[in-house]
Amino acid sequence: MSTAYAIIRQEHAANTDPKVRVVQIVWSEDEATDMVDRLNALSTRGPGGYSWQPTWVARPDREAGVVGLVSDDREKLKLAETHDALDTERPLAVFFSFIFNLTGARAACEELQTLGWPDVGIDEELDGDECWHLYAHQRRLFLNEESIIQLRAEMEDLAERHGGTFDGWDVSGGSLRWAKPGQLPA
């Protein structure tokens, strides 16, 4: 386990508990401090919405090829099984975040296209906040544990090379979480 720094955003709505969202994990306290200062300066929601806190994170051993499933992967694979989509070929989508790094996001877009993702896009979370979201859709993949382990390793490596975060995957055109039986695209 390594010490990392979670950049978090708190949202407060009237009469509800605050929502806390991890925006990104960085590996240095200086980078975390700088990122939080910049995010708060750009925030349209007022100062103090972003903060950071130390956290323990297991760094993947990329040199040894040891990248496995995370809990979200396991949950989606279980949902795929429920939808009779496990061990079938499906169109997938992948999602990334790039903070203060439009150059990296654009480079990742280009690389995803060369890797066979036909529908790649990028947008900013809020105008001027420099939190860029990258998404790619419609690459077909045989949906099973081995292919998702390989996808995660490939996408985490791409995100790390370009200074972003791999946020996860889903079935394109019909989320595994929200689809009704028989609704997932084939």
N, C-alpha and C. Protein backbone atom coordinates (compact mmCIF):
# COMPACT_ATOMS: atom_id res chain seq x y z
N MET A 1 0.83 -1.18 0.00
CA MET A 1 0.00 0.00 0.00
C MET A 1 0.88 1.24 0.00
N SER A 2 0.44 2.24 -0.74
CA SER A 2 1.16 3.50 -0.83
C SER A 2 0.26 4.64 -0.36
N THR A 3 0.88 5.68 0.13
CA THR A 3 0.11 6.87 0.48
C THR A 3 -0.18 7.64 -0.79
N ALA A 4 -1.44 7.97 -0.99
CA ALA A 4 -1.87 8.79 -2.11
C ALA A 4 -2.73 9.90 -1.53
N TYR A 5 -3.19 10.78 -2.39
CA TYR A 5 -3.99 11.92 -1.94
C TYR A 5 -5.24 11.99 -2.79
N ALA A 6 -6.38 11.85 -2.14
CA ALA A 6 -7.66 11.87 -2.85
C ALA A 6 -8.15 13.30 -2.93
N ILE A 7 -8.40 13.76 -4.14
CA ILE A 7 -9.01 15.06 -4.36
C ILE A 7 -10.52 14.82 -4.30
N ILE A 8 -11.20 15.50 -3.38
CA ILE A 8 -12.63 15.25 -3.20
C ILE A 8 -13.43 16.54 -3.37
N ARG A 9 -14.68 16.38 -3.76
CA ARG A 9 -15.60 17.50 -3.88
C ARG A 9 -16.83 17.19 -3.04
N GLN A 10 -17.21 18.14 -2.20
CA GLN A 10 -18.42 18.00 -1.38
C GLN A 10 -19.50 18.89 -1.96
N GLU A 11 -20.69 18.32 -2.08
CA GLU A 11 -21.85 19.08 -2.54
C GLU A 11 -22.89 19.03 -1.45
N HIS A 12 -23.42 20.17 -1.10
CA HIS A 12 -24.43 20.27 -0.06
C HIS A 12 -25.74 20.70 -0.69
N ALA A 13 -26.78 19.93 -0.46
CA ALA A 13 -28.13 20.31 -0.90
C ALA A 13 -28.98 20.49 0.35
N ALA A 14 -29.95 21.32 0.26
CA ALA A 14 -30.81 21.61 1.41
C ALA A 14 -31.46 20.34 1.93
N ASN A 15 -31.41 20.16 3.24
CA ASN A 15 -32.07 19.05 3.94
C ASN A 15 -31.59 17.67 3.53
N THR A 16 -30.37 17.57 3.04
CA THR A 16 -29.82 16.25 2.71
C THR A 16 -28.40 16.15 3.24
N ASP A 17 -27.92 14.94 3.37
CA ASP A 17 -26.52 14.73 3.75
C ASP A 17 -25.63 15.19 2.60
N PRO A 18 -24.45 15.71 2.91
CA PRO A 18 -23.55 16.13 1.82
C PRO A 18 -23.10 14.93 1.00
N LYS A 19 -22.95 15.15 -0.30
CA LYS A 19 -22.42 14.13 -1.20
C LYS A 19 -20.93 14.38 -1.34
N VAL A 20 -20.15 13.33 -1.23
CA VAL A 20 -18.70 13.45 -1.39
C VAL A 20 -18.32 12.59 -2.59
N ARG A 21 -17.56 13.19 -3.52
CA ARG A 21 -17.14 12.47 -4.72
C ARG A 21 -15.64 12.58 -4.85
N VAL A 22 -14.98 11.45 -5.03
CA VAL A 22 -13.54 11.46 -5.29
C VAL A 22 -13.36 11.85 -6.76
N VAL A 23 -12.63 12.94 -6.97
CA VAL A 23 -12.43 13.47 -8.31
C VAL A 23 -11.21 12.82 -8.96
N GLN A 24 -10.15 12.67 -8.18
CA GLN A 24 -8.92 12.09 -8.71
C GLN A 24 -8.02 11.68 -7.56
N ILE A 25 -7.13 10.75 -7.84
CA ILE A 25 -6.09 10.34 -6.90
C ILE A 25 -4.76 10.82 -7.47
N VAL A 26 -3.98 11.50 -6.64
CA VAL A 26 -2.64 11.94 -7.06
C VAL A 26 -1.63 11.37 -6.06
N TRP A 27 -0.36 11.42 -6.42
CA TRP A 27 0.65 10.73 -5.62
C TRP A 27 1.54 11.66 -4.81
N SER A 28 1.33 12.99 -4.90
CA SER A 28 2.15 13.88 -4.08
C SER A 28 1.27 14.91 -3.39
N GLU A 29 1.67 15.27 -2.17
CA GLU A 29 0.92 16.26 -1.40
C GLU A 29 0.97 17.63 -2.08
N ASP A 30 2.11 17.98 -2.66
CA ASP A 30 2.22 19.26 -3.37
C ASP A 30 1.24 19.32 -4.55
N GLU A 31 1.16 18.23 -5.30
CA GLU A 31 0.23 18.19 -6.43
C GLU A 31 -1.22 18.28 -5.95
N ALA A 32 -1.53 17.62 -4.84
CA ALA A 32 -2.89 17.67 -4.29
C ALA A 32 -3.24 19.09 -3.85
N THR A 33 -2.32 19.74 -3.15
CA THR A 33 -2.56 21.11 -2.68
C THR A 33 -2.77 22.05 -3.86
N ASP A 34 -1.90 21.95 -4.86
CA ASP A 34 -2.01 22.80 -6.04
C ASP A 34 -3.33 22.56 -6.77
N MET A 35 -3.71 21.30 -6.94
CA MET A 35 -4.93 20.97 -7.66
C MET A 35 -6.16 21.50 -6.92
N VAL A 36 -6.21 21.34 -5.61
CA VAL A 36 -7.35 21.82 -4.81
C VAL A 36 -7.44 23.35 -4.89
N ASP A 37 -6.30 24.02 -4.78
CA ASP A 37 -6.30 25.50 -4.89
C ASP A 37 -6.83 25.94 -6.24
N ARG A 38 -6.40 25.30 -7.30
CA ARG A 38 -6.85 25.68 -8.65
C ARG A 38 -8.32 25.35 -8.85
N LEU A 39 -8.76 24.19 -8.39
CA LEU A 39 -10.18 23.83 -8.53
C LEU A 39 -11.08 24.80 -7.77
N ASN A 40 -10.70 25.15 -6.55
CA ASN A 40 -11.51 26.08 -5.77
C ASN A 40 -11.53 27.47 -6.40
N ALA A 41 -10.40 27.88 -7.00
CA ALA A 41 -10.36 29.19 -7.64
C ALA A 41 -11.26 29.24 -8.87
N LEU A 42 -11.41 28.12 -9.57
CA LEU A 42 -12.24 28.06 -10.77
C LEU A 42 -13.70 27.73 -10.48
N SER A 43 -13.98 27.25 -9.28
CA SER A 43 -15.31 26.75 -8.96
C SER A 43 -16.37 27.85 -9.01
N THR A 44 -17.48 27.54 -9.63
CA THR A 44 -18.62 28.46 -9.66
C THR A 44 -19.50 28.26 -8.43
N ARG A 45 -19.19 27.26 -7.63
CA ARG A 45 -19.99 26.95 -6.44
C ARG A 45 -19.43 27.60 -5.18
N GLY A 46 -18.46 28.46 -5.34
CA GLY A 46 -17.87 29.13 -4.18
C GLY A 46 -16.65 28.38 -3.69
N PRO A 47 -15.84 29.05 -2.85
CA PRO A 47 -14.60 28.42 -2.37
C PRO A 47 -14.89 27.29 -1.39
N GLY A 48 -13.95 26.38 -1.31
CA GLY A 48 -14.03 25.32 -0.30
C GLY A 48 -14.76 24.08 -0.73
N GLY A 49 -15.24 24.01 -1.97
CA GLY A 49 -15.94 22.82 -2.43
C GLY A 49 -15.03 21.63 -2.63
N TYR A 50 -13.75 21.92 -2.90
CA TYR A 50 -12.77 20.86 -3.13
C TYR A 50 -11.79 20.82 -1.97
N SER A 51 -11.36 19.63 -1.63
CA SER A 51 -10.33 19.44 -0.62
C SER A 51 -9.57 18.16 -0.96
N TRP A 52 -8.55 17.87 -0.18
CA TRP A 52 -7.83 16.61 -0.37
C TRP A 52 -7.61 15.96 0.97
N GLN A 53 -7.40 14.66 0.92
CA GLN A 53 -7.08 13.92 2.14
C GLN A 53 -6.18 12.75 1.78
N PRO A 54 -5.26 12.42 2.70
CA PRO A 54 -4.39 11.26 2.44
C PRO A 54 -5.22 9.98 2.47
N THR A 55 -4.81 9.04 1.67
CA THR A 55 -5.50 7.75 1.63
C THR A 55 -4.47 6.67 1.29
N TRP A 56 -4.80 5.45 1.59
CA TRP A 56 -3.94 4.31 1.25
C TRP A 56 -4.45 3.69 -0.02
N VAL A 57 -3.56 3.51 -0.98
CA VAL A 57 -3.94 2.94 -2.27
C VAL A 57 -2.89 1.91 -2.67
N ALA A 58 -3.36 0.79 -3.16
CA ALA A 58 -2.44 -0.21 -3.69
C ALA A 58 -2.11 0.18 -5.12
N ARG A 59 -0.85 0.49 -5.39
CA ARG A 59 -0.44 0.80 -6.76
C ARG A 59 -0.37 -0.51 -7.54
N PRO A 60 -0.95 -0.53 -8.74
CA PRO A 60 -0.83 -1.75 -9.54
C PRO A 60 0.62 -2.00 -9.92
N ASP A 61 1.01 -3.24 -9.92
CA ASP A 61 2.36 -3.62 -10.32
C ASP A 61 2.35 -3.84 -11.83
N ARG A 62 2.43 -2.76 -12.58
CA ARG A 62 2.31 -2.84 -14.03
C ARG A 62 3.47 -3.63 -14.66
N GLU A 63 4.65 -3.52 -14.07
CA GLU A 63 5.79 -4.24 -14.63
C GLU A 63 5.57 -5.75 -14.57
N ALA A 64 4.93 -6.21 -13.52
CA ALA A 64 4.68 -7.64 -13.38
C ALA A 64 3.38 -8.04 -14.08
N GLY A 65 2.67 -7.06 -14.64
CA GLY A 65 1.42 -7.37 -15.33
C GLY A 65 0.28 -7.68 -14.37
N VAL A 66 0.42 -7.28 -13.10
CA VAL A 66 -0.60 -7.61 -12.11
C VAL A 66 -1.59 -6.45 -11.99
N VAL A 67 -2.61 -6.52 -12.77
CA VAL A 67 -3.73 -5.60 -12.65
C VAL A 67 -4.96 -6.49 -12.67
N GLY A 68 -5.79 -6.37 -11.67
CA GLY A 68 -6.94 -7.25 -11.59
C GLY A 68 -8.24 -6.48 -11.63
N LEU A 69 -9.28 -7.18 -11.28
CA LEU A 69 -10.61 -6.57 -11.23
C LEU A 69 -10.75 -5.72 -9.98
N VAL A 70 -11.50 -4.65 -10.09
CA VAL A 70 -11.88 -3.87 -8.92
C VAL A 70 -13.34 -4.21 -8.62
N SER A 71 -13.84 -3.74 -7.49
CA SER A 71 -15.20 -4.11 -7.08
C SER A 71 -16.24 -3.69 -8.12
N ASP A 72 -16.06 -2.53 -8.77
CA ASP A 72 -17.00 -2.10 -9.80
C ASP A 72 -17.02 -3.09 -10.97
N ASP A 73 -15.84 -3.61 -11.35
CA ASP A 73 -15.77 -4.60 -12.43
C ASP A 73 -16.55 -5.86 -12.04
N ARG A 74 -16.33 -6.33 -10.82
CA ARG A 74 -17.01 -7.54 -10.37
C ARG A 74 -18.53 -7.34 -10.35
N GLU A 75 -18.95 -6.16 -9.89
CA GLU A 75 -20.38 -5.87 -9.84
C GLU A 75 -20.98 -5.86 -11.25
N LYS A 76 -20.28 -5.24 -12.20
CA LYS A 76 -20.80 -5.18 -13.57
C LYS A 76 -20.78 -6.56 -14.23
N LEU A 77 -19.77 -7.37 -13.94
CA LEU A 77 -19.75 -8.73 -14.49
C LEU A 77 -20.89 -9.56 -13.92
N LYS A 78 -21.20 -9.36 -12.65
CA LYS A 78 -22.34 -10.07 -12.05
C LYS A 78 -23.65 -9.61 -12.71
N LEU A 79 -23.76 -8.31 -12.97
CA LEU A 79 -24.94 -7.80 -13.67
C LEU A 79 -25.00 -8.35 -15.10
N ALA A 80 -23.85 -8.48 -15.75
CA ALA A 80 -23.82 -9.06 -17.10
C ALA A 80 -24.33 -10.49 -17.07
N GLU A 81 -23.95 -11.22 -16.02
CA GLU A 81 -24.45 -12.59 -15.87
C GLU A 81 -25.97 -12.59 -15.69
N THR A 82 -26.46 -11.68 -14.86
CA THR A 82 -27.91 -11.56 -14.63
C THR A 82 -28.66 -11.26 -15.93
N HIS A 83 -28.04 -10.46 -16.80
CA HIS A 83 -28.66 -10.08 -18.07
C HIS A 83 -28.35 -11.07 -19.20
N ASP A 84 -27.75 -12.22 -18.86
CA ASP A 84 -27.33 -13.20 -19.86
C ASP A 84 -26.38 -12.60 -20.90
N ALA A 85 -25.57 -11.64 -20.47
CA ALA A 85 -24.61 -11.00 -21.37
C ALA A 85 -23.18 -11.47 -21.12
N LEU A 86 -22.96 -12.21 -20.02
CA LEU A 86 -21.63 -12.72 -19.74
C LEU A 86 -21.25 -13.73 -20.81
N ASP A 87 -20.01 -13.71 -21.24
CA ASP A 87 -19.49 -14.58 -22.29
C ASP A 87 -20.18 -14.34 -23.63
N THR A 88 -20.60 -13.10 -23.86
CA THR A 88 -21.11 -12.69 -25.16
C THR A 88 -20.34 -11.43 -25.58
N GLU A 89 -20.33 -11.16 -26.88
CA GLU A 89 -19.66 -9.96 -27.37
C GLU A 89 -20.63 -8.79 -27.29
N ARG A 90 -20.15 -7.68 -26.71
CA ARG A 90 -20.98 -6.49 -26.53
C ARG A 90 -20.19 -5.23 -26.88
N PRO A 91 -20.89 -4.17 -27.28
CA PRO A 91 -20.21 -2.88 -27.46
C PRO A 91 -19.96 -2.24 -26.10
N LEU A 92 -18.73 -1.82 -25.85
CA LEU A 92 -18.40 -1.25 -24.55
C LEU A 92 -18.13 0.25 -24.66
N ALA A 93 -18.16 0.89 -23.50
CA ALA A 93 -17.78 2.29 -23.34
C ALA A 93 -16.76 2.35 -22.22
N VAL A 94 -15.79 3.25 -22.33
CA VAL A 94 -14.83 3.51 -21.26
C VAL A 94 -14.84 4.99 -20.94
N PHE A 95 -14.51 5.34 -19.68
CA PHE A 95 -14.60 6.71 -19.20
C PHE A 95 -13.34 7.10 -18.44
N PHE A 96 -12.91 8.35 -18.63
CA PHE A 96 -11.69 8.86 -18.01
C PHE A 96 -11.93 10.28 -17.50
N SER A 97 -11.09 10.72 -16.56
CA SER A 97 -11.07 12.11 -16.10
C SER A 97 -9.66 12.65 -16.25
N PHE A 98 -9.57 13.90 -16.69
CA PHE A 98 -8.30 14.61 -16.81
C PHE A 98 -8.50 15.99 -16.19
N ILE A 99 -7.76 16.31 -15.15
CA ILE A 99 -7.90 17.59 -14.48
C ILE A 99 -6.70 18.47 -14.82
N PHE A 100 -6.98 19.68 -15.30
CA PHE A 100 -5.94 20.63 -15.72
C PHE A 100 -5.01 20.00 -16.74
N ASN A 101 -5.55 19.18 -17.61
CA ASN A 101 -4.70 18.47 -18.55
C ASN A 101 -5.45 18.20 -19.85
N LEU A 102 -5.85 19.25 -20.52
CA LEU A 102 -6.53 19.09 -21.81
C LEU A 102 -5.60 18.46 -22.84
N THR A 103 -4.33 18.78 -22.78
CA THR A 103 -3.36 18.20 -23.71
C THR A 103 -3.33 16.68 -23.56
N GLY A 104 -3.29 16.19 -22.31
CA GLY A 104 -3.28 14.75 -22.07
C GLY A 104 -4.58 14.10 -22.52
N ALA A 105 -5.70 14.78 -22.27
CA ALA A 105 -7.00 14.23 -22.68
C ALA A 105 -7.07 14.10 -24.20
N ARG A 106 -6.59 15.11 -24.91
CA ARG A 106 -6.61 15.04 -26.38
C ARG A 106 -5.70 13.93 -26.90
N ALA A 107 -4.54 13.77 -26.27
CA ALA A 107 -3.62 12.69 -26.67
C ALA A 107 -4.25 11.33 -26.41
N ALA A 108 -4.95 11.20 -25.29
CA ALA A 108 -5.63 9.94 -24.97
C ALA A 108 -6.73 9.67 -25.99
N CYS A 109 -7.46 10.71 -26.42
CA CYS A 109 -8.49 10.55 -27.46
C CYS A 109 -7.89 9.95 -28.73
N GLU A 110 -6.78 10.54 -29.16
CA GLU A 110 -6.12 10.06 -30.37
C GLU A 110 -5.68 8.61 -30.23
N GLU A 111 -5.13 8.29 -29.05
CA GLU A 111 -4.66 6.91 -28.86
C GLU A 111 -5.83 5.93 -28.84
N LEU A 112 -6.94 6.32 -28.19
CA LEU A 112 -8.11 5.44 -28.17
C LEU A 112 -8.62 5.17 -29.59
N GLN A 113 -8.60 6.18 -30.44
CA GLN A 113 -9.03 5.96 -31.83
C GLN A 113 -8.11 4.98 -32.54
N THR A 114 -6.79 5.08 -32.29
CA THR A 114 -5.87 4.14 -32.92
C THR A 114 -6.03 2.73 -32.37
N LEU A 115 -6.59 2.63 -31.14
CA LEU A 115 -6.84 1.31 -30.54
C LEU A 115 -8.17 0.70 -30.96
N GLY A 116 -8.89 1.39 -31.86
CA GLY A 116 -10.13 0.82 -32.39
C GLY A 116 -11.42 1.29 -31.72
N TRP A 117 -11.37 2.37 -30.98
CA TRP A 117 -12.60 2.93 -30.39
C TRP A 117 -13.15 3.94 -31.39
N PRO A 118 -14.25 3.62 -32.08
CA PRO A 118 -14.73 4.48 -33.16
C PRO A 118 -15.41 5.77 -32.70
N ASP A 119 -15.96 5.80 -31.51
CA ASP A 119 -16.74 6.95 -31.04
C ASP A 119 -16.08 7.52 -29.79
N VAL A 120 -15.18 8.50 -29.97
CA VAL A 120 -14.41 9.08 -28.88
C VAL A 120 -14.80 10.54 -28.73
N GLY A 121 -14.98 10.99 -27.49
CA GLY A 121 -15.34 12.39 -27.26
C GLY A 121 -14.75 12.91 -25.97
N ILE A 122 -14.80 14.23 -25.84
CA ILE A 122 -14.25 14.89 -24.66
C ILE A 122 -15.15 16.08 -24.35
N ASP A 123 -15.37 16.32 -23.06
CA ASP A 123 -16.11 17.52 -22.67
C ASP A 123 -15.62 17.99 -21.30
N GLU A 124 -15.94 19.22 -20.99
CA GLU A 124 -15.55 19.81 -19.72
C GLU A 124 -16.73 19.69 -18.76
N GLU A 125 -16.44 19.33 -17.50
CA GLU A 125 -17.51 19.16 -16.52
C GLU A 125 -18.36 20.42 -16.41
N LEU A 126 -17.73 21.54 -16.16
CA LEU A 126 -18.38 22.85 -16.13
C LEU A 126 -17.50 23.78 -16.95
N ASP A 127 -18.11 24.69 -17.68
CA ASP A 127 -17.30 25.61 -18.48
C ASP A 127 -16.25 26.29 -17.62
N GLY A 128 -14.99 26.14 -18.03
CA GLY A 128 -13.90 26.82 -17.36
C GLY A 128 -13.33 26.12 -16.14
N ASP A 129 -13.84 24.93 -15.76
CA ASP A 129 -13.31 24.30 -14.54
C ASP A 129 -12.10 23.40 -14.81
N GLU A 130 -11.79 23.15 -16.07
CA GLU A 130 -10.65 22.34 -16.48
C GLU A 130 -10.68 20.91 -15.94
N CYS A 131 -11.87 20.40 -15.67
CA CYS A 131 -12.06 18.98 -15.35
C CYS A 131 -12.62 18.33 -16.62
N TRP A 132 -11.76 17.68 -17.36
CA TRP A 132 -12.14 17.13 -18.65
C TRP A 132 -12.54 15.66 -18.51
N HIS A 133 -13.64 15.31 -19.14
CA HIS A 133 -14.12 13.93 -19.16
C HIS A 133 -13.96 13.41 -20.58
N LEU A 134 -13.38 12.26 -20.66
CA LEU A 134 -13.13 11.60 -21.93
C LEU A 134 -13.93 10.31 -21.94
N TYR A 135 -14.55 10.02 -23.06
CA TYR A 135 -15.33 8.80 -23.18
C TYR A 135 -15.10 8.20 -24.56
N ALA A 136 -15.20 6.91 -24.63
CA ALA A 136 -15.07 6.20 -25.90
C ALA A 136 -16.11 5.08 -25.91
N HIS A 137 -16.80 4.95 -27.03
CA HIS A 137 -17.88 3.97 -27.14
C HIS A 137 -17.68 3.05 -28.34
N GLN A 138 -18.37 1.97 -28.29
CA GLN A 138 -18.63 1.08 -29.42
C GLN A 138 -17.51 0.15 -29.85
N ARG A 139 -16.48 -0.03 -29.02
CA ARG A 139 -15.53 -1.10 -29.35
C ARG A 139 -16.13 -2.39 -28.81
N ARG A 140 -16.19 -3.39 -29.62
CA ARG A 140 -16.83 -4.65 -29.20
C ARG A 140 -15.81 -5.51 -28.44
N LEU A 141 -16.32 -6.15 -27.39
CA LEU A 141 -15.46 -6.97 -26.53
C LEU A 141 -16.26 -8.15 -26.03
N PHE A 142 -15.61 -9.31 -26.00
CA PHE A 142 -16.20 -10.49 -25.41
C PHE A 142 -16.20 -10.26 -23.90
N LEU A 143 -17.35 -10.26 -23.28
CA LEU A 143 -17.51 -9.82 -21.90
C LEU A 143 -17.30 -10.98 -20.92
N ASN A 144 -16.10 -11.04 -20.33
CA ASN A 144 -15.81 -12.01 -19.28
C ASN A 144 -14.69 -11.46 -18.40
N GLU A 145 -14.36 -12.18 -17.37
CA GLU A 145 -13.37 -11.69 -16.40
C GLU A 145 -12.01 -11.42 -17.04
N GLU A 146 -11.55 -12.32 -17.89
CA GLU A 146 -10.24 -12.16 -18.51
C GLU A 146 -10.19 -10.92 -19.40
N SER A 147 -11.24 -10.70 -20.20
CA SER A 147 -11.22 -9.55 -21.10
C SER A 147 -11.31 -8.24 -20.33
N ILE A 148 -12.01 -8.23 -19.21
CA ILE A 148 -12.13 -7.00 -18.41
C ILE A 148 -10.81 -6.73 -17.67
N ILE A 149 -10.13 -7.77 -17.21
CA ILE A 149 -8.80 -7.57 -16.61
C ILE A 149 -7.86 -6.95 -17.64
N GLN A 150 -7.88 -7.47 -18.86
CA GLN A 150 -7.03 -6.92 -19.92
C GLN A 150 -7.45 -5.49 -20.27
N LEU A 151 -8.74 -5.23 -20.37
CA LEU A 151 -9.23 -3.88 -20.67
C LEU A 151 -8.79 -2.91 -19.58
N ARG A 152 -8.97 -3.29 -18.31
CA ARG A 152 -8.59 -2.40 -17.20
C ARG A 152 -7.09 -2.10 -17.26
N ALA A 153 -6.26 -3.11 -17.48
CA ALA A 153 -4.81 -2.89 -17.54
C ALA A 153 -4.46 -1.93 -18.67
N GLU A 154 -5.07 -2.14 -19.84
CA GLU A 154 -4.79 -1.30 -21.00
C GLU A 154 -5.26 0.15 -20.75
N MET A 155 -6.44 0.32 -20.18
CA MET A 155 -7.00 1.66 -19.98
C MET A 155 -6.30 2.40 -18.83
N GLU A 156 -5.93 1.69 -17.76
CA GLU A 156 -5.20 2.33 -16.68
C GLU A 156 -3.82 2.77 -17.15
N ASP A 157 -3.19 1.96 -17.99
CA ASP A 157 -1.89 2.32 -18.54
C ASP A 157 -2.02 3.55 -19.44
N LEU A 158 -3.03 3.59 -20.28
CA LEU A 158 -3.27 4.74 -21.15
C LEU A 158 -3.49 6.00 -20.31
N ALA A 159 -4.33 5.90 -19.28
CA ALA A 159 -4.61 7.06 -18.41
C ALA A 159 -3.34 7.54 -17.72
N GLU A 160 -2.54 6.63 -17.21
CA GLU A 160 -1.31 7.02 -16.51
C GLU A 160 -0.33 7.70 -17.45
N ARG A 161 -0.19 7.17 -18.66
CA ARG A 161 0.74 7.77 -19.63
C ARG A 161 0.36 9.20 -19.99
N HIS A 162 -0.94 9.50 -19.97
CA HIS A 162 -1.41 10.82 -20.39
C HIS A 162 -1.84 11.71 -19.23
N GLY A 163 -1.62 11.26 -17.99
CA GLY A 163 -1.89 12.10 -16.83
C GLY A 163 -3.35 12.19 -16.43
N GLY A 164 -4.10 11.11 -16.65
CA GLY A 164 -5.51 11.09 -16.28
C GLY A 164 -5.84 9.94 -15.37
N THR A 165 -7.13 9.72 -15.19
CA THR A 165 -7.63 8.64 -14.35
C THR A 165 -8.64 7.82 -15.15
N PHE A 166 -8.50 6.51 -15.12
CA PHE A 166 -9.49 5.64 -15.74
C PHE A 166 -10.65 5.49 -14.77
N ASP A 167 -11.84 5.92 -15.18
CA ASP A 167 -13.00 5.90 -14.30
C ASP A 167 -13.84 4.64 -14.41
N GLY A 168 -13.68 3.86 -15.47
CA GLY A 168 -14.43 2.62 -15.56
C GLY A 168 -15.00 2.37 -16.94
N TRP A 169 -15.86 1.38 -17.02
CA TRP A 169 -16.41 0.91 -18.28
C TRP A 169 -17.88 0.55 -18.08
N ASP A 170 -18.58 0.36 -19.17
CA ASP A 170 -19.96 -0.12 -19.15
C ASP A 170 -20.30 -0.61 -20.55
N VAL A 171 -21.48 -1.18 -20.71
CA VAL A 171 -21.95 -1.57 -22.03
C VAL A 171 -22.50 -0.31 -22.71
N SER A 172 -22.09 -0.06 -23.95
CA SER A 172 -22.58 1.10 -24.69
C SER A 172 -24.04 0.92 -25.06
N GLY A 173 -24.78 2.01 -25.00
CA GLY A 173 -26.17 1.98 -25.43
C GLY A 173 -27.12 1.35 -24.44
N GLY A 174 -26.67 0.98 -23.26
CA GLY A 174 -27.53 0.39 -22.25
C GLY A 174 -26.72 -0.01 -21.04
N SER A 175 -26.76 0.77 -20.01
CA SER A 175 -25.97 0.51 -18.81
C SER A 175 -26.35 -0.82 -18.17
N LEU A 176 -25.35 -1.54 -17.72
CA LEU A 176 -25.61 -2.80 -17.02
C LEU A 176 -26.45 -2.59 -15.77
N ARG A 177 -26.28 -1.43 -15.12
CA ARG A 177 -27.01 -1.17 -13.88
C ARG A 177 -28.48 -0.86 -14.12
N TRP A 178 -28.78 -0.21 -15.24
CA TRP A 178 -30.15 0.29 -15.43
C TRP A 178 -30.94 -0.46 -16.48
N ALA A 179 -30.31 -1.37 -17.18
CA ALA A 179 -31.02 -2.10 -18.22
C ALA A 179 -32.02 -3.10 -17.63
N LYS A 180 -33.10 -3.25 -18.33
CA LYS A 180 -34.07 -4.29 -17.99
C LYS A 180 -33.70 -5.54 -18.76
N PRO A 181 -34.14 -6.72 -18.33
CA PRO A 181 -33.80 -7.95 -19.05
C PRO A 181 -34.10 -7.81 -20.54
N GLY A 182 -33.14 -8.20 -21.35
CA GLY A 182 -33.31 -8.18 -22.80
C GLY A 182 -33.06 -6.82 -23.45
N GLN A 183 -32.71 -5.80 -22.67
CA GLN A 183 -32.51 -4.46 -23.24
C GLN A 183 -31.07 -4.18 -23.66
N LEU A 184 -30.13 -4.95 -23.24
CA LEU A 184 -28.72 -4.66 -23.58
C LEU A 184 -28.49 -4.87 -25.06
N PRO A 185 -27.75 -3.97 -25.69
CA PRO A 185 -27.43 -4.14 -27.11
C PRO A 185 -26.54 -5.36 -27.32
N ALA A 186 -26.80 -6.03 -28.41
CA ALA A 186 -26.02 -7.23 -28.73
C ALA A 186 -24.79 -6.87 -29.52
